[in-house]
Amino acid sequence: MLYTNLKHIETSANHAKIISENKNVMVICGRMDPMCIPVYQIAEEIENEYSHVQFYDMEFDNPESNVIRSLPEVEGFMGIPFTIYYKNGKVAKATSSIQTKEVIKNILDKEYALTVEV
């Protein structure tokens, strides 16, 4: 288990349920290492700003995380964490390695833009 304040995904079945039941989901798949910890911390810091997005982590070395590690969108990724942005059950964006708060917020704003119905 990852020692973050994010909600944890521990099984592929749980992963499937979460992305099918929530419109906007960000999953950070990594380890407790220097490249991943800053990304978890950023997600923890901004989670309240994005109440329309569900934030999760998943342990990279868990065999169950193959559901993320085998995505075509991550083919060729060389660094962790793999950060997957799901919209309506499909991958909207995938990134790897350390990210800044600005980069993450730009992705969230673009992929999960709130629209006002008139």
N, C-alpha and C. Protein backbone atom coordinates (compact mmCIF):
# COMPACT_ATOMS: atom_id res chain seq x y z
N MET A 1 0.84 -1.18 0.00
CA MET A 1 0.00 0.00 0.00
C MET A 1 0.88 1.24 0.00
N LEU A 2 0.41 2.26 -0.66
CA LEU A 2 1.11 3.53 -0.69
C LEU A 2 0.68 4.37 0.51
N TYR A 3 1.62 5.06 1.11
CA TYR A 3 1.34 5.87 2.28
C TYR A 3 1.08 7.31 1.87
N THR A 4 -0.09 7.51 1.27
CA THR A 4 -0.53 8.84 0.86
C THR A 4 -1.89 9.09 1.50
N ASN A 5 -2.36 10.32 1.37
CA ASN A 5 -3.70 10.66 1.85
C ASN A 5 -4.74 10.55 0.75
N LEU A 6 -4.35 9.99 -0.39
CA LEU A 6 -5.28 9.77 -1.48
C LEU A 6 -6.05 8.47 -1.24
N LYS A 7 -7.16 8.31 -1.94
CA LYS A 7 -7.87 7.04 -1.89
C LYS A 7 -7.04 6.02 -2.67
N HIS A 8 -7.05 4.79 -2.23
CA HIS A 8 -6.21 3.75 -2.82
C HIS A 8 -7.03 2.80 -3.69
N ILE A 9 -6.45 2.40 -4.80
CA ILE A 9 -7.01 1.32 -5.63
C ILE A 9 -6.09 0.13 -5.43
N GLU A 10 -6.67 -1.00 -4.99
CA GLU A 10 -5.84 -2.17 -4.69
C GLU A 10 -6.04 -3.33 -5.66
N THR A 11 -7.15 -3.32 -6.41
CA THR A 11 -7.40 -4.43 -7.34
C THR A 11 -7.84 -3.89 -8.70
N SER A 12 -7.67 -4.71 -9.72
CA SER A 12 -8.13 -4.30 -11.05
C SER A 12 -9.65 -4.20 -11.08
N ALA A 13 -10.33 -5.03 -10.31
CA ALA A 13 -11.79 -4.95 -10.25
C ALA A 13 -12.23 -3.63 -9.63
N ASN A 14 -11.53 -3.21 -8.57
CA ASN A 14 -11.83 -1.94 -7.93
C ASN A 14 -11.56 -0.78 -8.89
N HIS A 15 -10.48 -0.88 -9.64
CA HIS A 15 -10.12 0.11 -10.66
C HIS A 15 -11.25 0.24 -11.69
N ALA A 16 -11.71 -0.89 -12.21
CA ALA A 16 -12.77 -0.88 -13.22
C ALA A 16 -14.05 -0.25 -12.67
N LYS A 17 -14.38 -0.58 -11.43
CA LYS A 17 -15.59 -0.03 -10.80
C LYS A 17 -15.47 1.49 -10.64
N ILE A 18 -14.33 1.95 -10.20
CA ILE A 18 -14.12 3.38 -9.97
C ILE A 18 -14.23 4.17 -11.27
N ILE A 19 -13.56 3.71 -12.32
CA ILE A 19 -13.60 4.49 -13.56
C ILE A 19 -14.94 4.37 -14.28
N SER A 20 -15.70 3.31 -13.99
CA SER A 20 -17.02 3.21 -14.62
C SER A 20 -18.09 4.00 -13.87
N GLU A 21 -17.88 4.21 -12.58
CA GLU A 21 -18.89 4.89 -11.76
C GLU A 21 -18.62 6.39 -11.56
N ASN A 22 -17.47 6.87 -12.02
CA ASN A 22 -17.12 8.28 -11.85
C ASN A 22 -16.75 8.88 -13.19
N LYS A 23 -17.24 10.08 -13.45
CA LYS A 23 -17.00 10.73 -14.74
C LYS A 23 -15.53 11.11 -14.92
N ASN A 24 -14.92 11.68 -13.89
CA ASN A 24 -13.55 12.20 -13.96
C ASN A 24 -12.70 11.56 -12.87
N VAL A 25 -11.67 10.83 -13.29
CA VAL A 25 -10.81 10.13 -12.33
C VAL A 25 -9.35 10.32 -12.71
N MET A 26 -8.54 10.69 -11.72
CA MET A 26 -7.09 10.77 -11.89
C MET A 26 -6.47 9.68 -11.03
N VAL A 27 -5.66 8.80 -11.65
CA VAL A 27 -4.99 7.73 -10.93
C VAL A 27 -3.48 7.90 -11.08
N ILE A 28 -2.79 7.97 -9.95
CA ILE A 28 -1.33 8.05 -9.95
C ILE A 28 -0.82 6.67 -9.56
N CYS A 29 -0.13 6.04 -10.49
CA CYS A 29 0.37 4.69 -10.29
C CYS A 29 1.88 4.76 -10.11
N GLY A 30 2.34 4.52 -8.89
CA GLY A 30 3.77 4.66 -8.62
C GLY A 30 4.21 3.95 -7.36
N ARG A 31 5.33 4.41 -6.85
CA ARG A 31 5.95 3.89 -5.63
C ARG A 31 6.16 5.05 -4.66
N MET A 32 6.67 4.73 -3.48
CA MET A 32 7.05 5.78 -2.54
C MET A 32 8.52 6.12 -2.82
N ASP A 33 8.75 6.85 -3.91
CA ASP A 33 10.11 7.22 -4.28
C ASP A 33 10.17 8.70 -4.65
N PRO A 34 11.37 9.24 -4.86
CA PRO A 34 11.52 10.69 -5.08
C PRO A 34 10.83 11.23 -6.34
N MET A 35 10.54 10.40 -7.32
CA MET A 35 9.85 10.88 -8.52
C MET A 35 8.33 10.89 -8.32
N CYS A 36 7.83 10.01 -7.48
CA CYS A 36 6.39 9.86 -7.31
C CYS A 36 5.82 10.71 -6.17
N ILE A 37 6.55 10.79 -5.06
CA ILE A 37 6.04 11.48 -3.87
C ILE A 37 5.59 12.91 -4.18
N PRO A 38 6.34 13.71 -4.95
CA PRO A 38 5.85 15.07 -5.25
C PRO A 38 4.52 15.08 -6.00
N VAL A 39 4.29 14.10 -6.86
CA VAL A 39 3.02 14.04 -7.61
C VAL A 39 1.87 13.70 -6.67
N TYR A 40 2.09 12.76 -5.74
CA TYR A 40 1.05 12.48 -4.74
C TYR A 40 0.75 13.73 -3.92
N GLN A 41 1.81 14.43 -3.49
CA GLN A 41 1.63 15.62 -2.66
C GLN A 41 0.85 16.70 -3.39
N ILE A 42 1.12 16.89 -4.67
CA ILE A 42 0.38 17.88 -5.46
C ILE A 42 -1.09 17.49 -5.53
N ALA A 43 -1.35 16.22 -5.80
CA ALA A 43 -2.74 15.75 -5.87
C ALA A 43 -3.45 15.98 -4.53
N GLU A 44 -2.77 15.69 -3.44
CA GLU A 44 -3.36 15.92 -2.12
C GLU A 44 -3.66 17.40 -1.90
N GLU A 45 -2.76 18.27 -2.35
CA GLU A 45 -2.92 19.72 -2.17
C GLU A 45 -4.09 20.28 -2.97
N ILE A 46 -4.31 19.78 -4.17
CA ILE A 46 -5.31 20.38 -5.06
C ILE A 46 -6.63 19.62 -5.11
N GLU A 47 -6.70 18.49 -4.43
CA GLU A 47 -7.90 17.66 -4.49
C GLU A 47 -9.17 18.44 -4.17
N ASN A 48 -9.13 19.32 -3.17
CA ASN A 48 -10.32 20.08 -2.78
C ASN A 48 -10.72 21.12 -3.82
N GLU A 49 -9.78 21.57 -4.65
CA GLU A 49 -10.08 22.53 -5.71
C GLU A 49 -10.85 21.88 -6.86
N TYR A 50 -10.75 20.57 -6.97
CA TYR A 50 -11.34 19.83 -8.09
C TYR A 50 -12.33 18.80 -7.55
N SER A 51 -13.40 19.29 -6.96
CA SER A 51 -14.39 18.39 -6.36
C SER A 51 -15.10 17.53 -7.40
N HIS A 52 -15.01 17.91 -8.66
CA HIS A 52 -15.63 17.14 -9.74
C HIS A 52 -14.70 16.05 -10.28
N VAL A 53 -13.53 15.87 -9.64
CA VAL A 53 -12.56 14.86 -10.04
C VAL A 53 -12.28 13.96 -8.84
N GLN A 54 -12.22 12.66 -9.08
CA GLN A 54 -11.86 11.70 -8.04
C GLN A 54 -10.36 11.41 -8.16
N PHE A 55 -9.62 11.55 -7.06
CA PHE A 55 -8.17 11.35 -7.04
C PHE A 55 -7.85 10.03 -6.35
N TYR A 56 -7.02 9.21 -6.99
CA TYR A 56 -6.64 7.91 -6.45
C TYR A 56 -5.16 7.65 -6.69
N ASP A 57 -4.63 6.71 -5.90
CA ASP A 57 -3.30 6.18 -6.19
C ASP A 57 -3.42 4.66 -6.35
N MET A 58 -2.40 4.07 -6.98
CA MET A 58 -2.32 2.62 -7.13
C MET A 58 -0.84 2.25 -7.13
N GLU A 59 -0.52 1.21 -6.39
CA GLU A 59 0.86 0.79 -6.25
C GLU A 59 1.37 0.16 -7.54
N PHE A 60 2.44 0.71 -8.08
CA PHE A 60 2.99 0.26 -9.36
C PHE A 60 3.41 -1.21 -9.34
N ASP A 61 3.97 -1.66 -8.22
CA ASP A 61 4.49 -3.03 -8.14
C ASP A 61 3.44 -4.07 -7.79
N ASN A 62 2.23 -3.66 -7.56
CA ASN A 62 1.13 -4.59 -7.32
C ASN A 62 0.76 -5.25 -8.65
N PRO A 63 0.72 -6.57 -8.72
CA PRO A 63 0.33 -7.22 -9.98
C PRO A 63 -1.00 -6.71 -10.54
N GLU A 64 -1.87 -6.25 -9.67
CA GLU A 64 -3.18 -5.73 -10.10
C GLU A 64 -3.05 -4.45 -10.91
N SER A 65 -1.92 -3.74 -10.76
CA SER A 65 -1.76 -2.49 -11.51
C SER A 65 -1.41 -2.74 -12.98
N ASN A 66 -1.34 -3.99 -13.36
CA ASN A 66 -1.16 -4.31 -14.78
C ASN A 66 -2.25 -3.66 -15.62
N VAL A 67 -3.40 -3.42 -15.02
CA VAL A 67 -4.50 -2.76 -15.73
C VAL A 67 -4.08 -1.36 -16.20
N ILE A 68 -3.15 -0.75 -15.50
CA ILE A 68 -2.61 0.55 -15.91
C ILE A 68 -1.33 0.36 -16.73
N ARG A 69 -0.43 -0.51 -16.25
CA ARG A 69 0.85 -0.70 -16.92
C ARG A 69 0.71 -1.25 -18.34
N SER A 70 -0.43 -1.88 -18.65
CA SER A 70 -0.63 -2.45 -19.99
C SER A 70 -1.44 -1.56 -20.93
N LEU A 71 -1.80 -0.37 -20.48
CA LEU A 71 -2.55 0.54 -21.35
C LEU A 71 -1.71 0.93 -22.56
N PRO A 72 -2.30 0.99 -23.75
CA PRO A 72 -1.54 1.44 -24.92
C PRO A 72 -0.99 2.86 -24.75
N GLU A 73 -1.68 3.69 -23.98
CA GLU A 73 -1.27 5.08 -23.77
C GLU A 73 0.04 5.19 -22.99
N VAL A 74 0.44 4.14 -22.26
CA VAL A 74 1.67 4.22 -21.47
C VAL A 74 2.84 3.47 -22.13
N GLU A 75 2.57 2.89 -23.28
CA GLU A 75 3.64 2.18 -23.99
C GLU A 75 4.79 3.15 -24.26
N GLY A 76 5.96 2.76 -23.88
CA GLY A 76 7.13 3.61 -24.09
C GLY A 76 7.44 4.53 -22.92
N PHE A 77 6.56 4.61 -21.92
CA PHE A 77 6.87 5.42 -20.75
C PHE A 77 8.10 4.84 -20.05
N MET A 78 9.02 5.69 -19.66
CA MET A 78 10.26 5.24 -19.04
C MET A 78 10.33 5.56 -17.55
N GLY A 79 9.52 6.48 -17.07
CA GLY A 79 9.60 6.87 -15.67
C GLY A 79 8.25 6.75 -14.98
N ILE A 80 8.30 6.60 -13.66
CA ILE A 80 7.07 6.58 -12.88
C ILE A 80 7.03 7.87 -12.04
N PRO A 81 5.85 8.26 -11.63
CA PRO A 81 4.60 7.54 -11.72
C PRO A 81 3.95 7.68 -13.10
N PHE A 82 3.09 6.72 -13.38
CA PHE A 82 2.19 6.84 -14.53
C PHE A 82 0.95 7.54 -13.97
N THR A 83 0.59 8.67 -14.54
CA THR A 83 -0.61 9.38 -14.11
C THR A 83 -1.62 9.30 -15.23
N ILE A 84 -2.76 8.69 -14.92
CA ILE A 84 -3.79 8.44 -15.92
C ILE A 84 -5.01 9.29 -15.57
N TYR A 85 -5.49 10.02 -16.56
CA TYR A 85 -6.67 10.86 -16.42
C TYR A 85 -7.79 10.20 -17.22
N TYR A 86 -8.79 9.69 -16.50
CA TYR A 86 -9.93 9.03 -17.15
C TYR A 86 -11.10 9.99 -17.22
N LYS A 87 -11.79 9.96 -18.35
CA LYS A 87 -13.03 10.72 -18.51
C LYS A 87 -14.07 9.77 -19.09
N ASN A 88 -15.17 9.63 -18.39
CA ASN A 88 -16.25 8.73 -18.82
C ASN A 88 -15.73 7.32 -19.10
N GLY A 89 -14.83 6.83 -18.24
CA GLY A 89 -14.34 5.45 -18.34
C GLY A 89 -13.24 5.22 -19.35
N LYS A 90 -12.83 6.26 -20.07
CA LYS A 90 -11.78 6.13 -21.09
C LYS A 90 -10.59 7.01 -20.72
N VAL A 91 -9.41 6.62 -21.19
CA VAL A 91 -8.21 7.42 -20.94
C VAL A 91 -8.29 8.70 -21.76
N ALA A 92 -8.28 9.83 -21.07
CA ALA A 92 -8.29 11.13 -21.74
C ALA A 92 -6.87 11.64 -21.93
N LYS A 93 -5.99 11.29 -20.98
CA LYS A 93 -4.59 11.75 -21.01
C LYS A 93 -3.78 10.84 -20.11
N ALA A 94 -2.52 10.64 -20.47
CA ALA A 94 -1.60 9.86 -19.64
C ALA A 94 -0.24 10.54 -19.65
N THR A 95 0.37 10.64 -18.47
CA THR A 95 1.70 11.23 -18.36
C THR A 95 2.57 10.32 -17.52
N SER A 96 3.88 10.54 -17.61
CA SER A 96 4.78 9.77 -16.76
C SER A 96 5.82 10.69 -16.15
N SER A 97 6.40 10.21 -15.09
CA SER A 97 7.48 10.87 -14.38
C SER A 97 6.94 12.03 -13.55
N ILE A 98 7.85 12.75 -12.95
CA ILE A 98 7.49 13.85 -12.07
C ILE A 98 6.82 14.96 -12.88
N GLN A 99 5.86 15.60 -12.28
CA GLN A 99 5.12 16.69 -12.91
C GLN A 99 5.06 17.86 -11.93
N THR A 100 4.98 19.05 -12.45
CA THR A 100 4.79 20.22 -11.59
C THR A 100 3.30 20.42 -11.32
N LYS A 101 3.01 21.21 -10.30
CA LYS A 101 1.61 21.54 -9.99
C LYS A 101 0.96 22.23 -11.18
N GLU A 102 1.70 23.13 -11.82
CA GLU A 102 1.17 23.86 -12.98
C GLU A 102 0.78 22.90 -14.11
N VAL A 103 1.64 21.94 -14.41
CA VAL A 103 1.35 20.97 -15.47
C VAL A 103 0.11 20.15 -15.12
N ILE A 104 0.05 19.66 -13.89
CA ILE A 104 -1.09 18.85 -13.47
C ILE A 104 -2.39 19.65 -13.52
N LYS A 105 -2.37 20.88 -13.01
CA LYS A 105 -3.57 21.71 -13.02
C LYS A 105 -4.00 22.04 -14.45
N ASN A 106 -3.04 22.28 -15.33
CA ASN A 106 -3.39 22.55 -16.73
C ASN A 106 -4.09 21.35 -17.36
N ILE A 107 -3.61 20.15 -17.07
CA ILE A 107 -4.26 18.95 -17.60
C ILE A 107 -5.67 18.81 -17.01
N LEU A 108 -5.78 18.97 -15.70
CA LEU A 108 -7.10 18.86 -15.06
C LEU A 108 -8.06 19.88 -15.63
N ASP A 109 -7.60 21.12 -15.80
CA ASP A 109 -8.47 22.18 -16.34
C ASP A 109 -8.90 21.88 -17.77
N LYS A 110 -7.99 21.33 -18.55
CA LYS A 110 -8.32 21.03 -19.95
C LYS A 110 -9.23 19.80 -20.06
N GLU A 111 -8.85 18.72 -19.41
CA GLU A 111 -9.58 17.46 -19.57
C GLU A 111 -10.90 17.43 -18.81
N TYR A 112 -10.97 18.16 -17.70
CA TYR A 112 -12.16 18.11 -16.85
C TYR A 112 -12.80 19.48 -16.69
N ALA A 113 -12.78 20.27 -17.74
CA ALA A 113 -13.33 21.62 -17.69
C ALA A 113 -14.80 21.56 -17.27
N LEU A 114 -15.13 22.43 -16.34
CA LEU A 114 -16.52 22.55 -15.92
C LEU A 114 -17.25 23.43 -16.92
N THR A 115 -18.38 22.96 -17.38
CA THR A 115 -19.18 23.75 -18.30
C THR A 115 -20.46 24.17 -17.59
N VAL A 116 -20.89 25.36 -17.89
CA VAL A 116 -22.09 25.90 -17.28
C VAL A 116 -23.25 25.70 -18.27
N GLU A 117 -24.29 25.07 -17.81
CA GLU A 117 -25.47 24.85 -18.65
C GLU A 117 -26.35 26.09 -18.56
N VAL A 118 -26.82 26.57 -19.70
CA VAL A 118 -27.69 27.76 -19.74
C VAL A 118 -29.12 27.34 -19.96
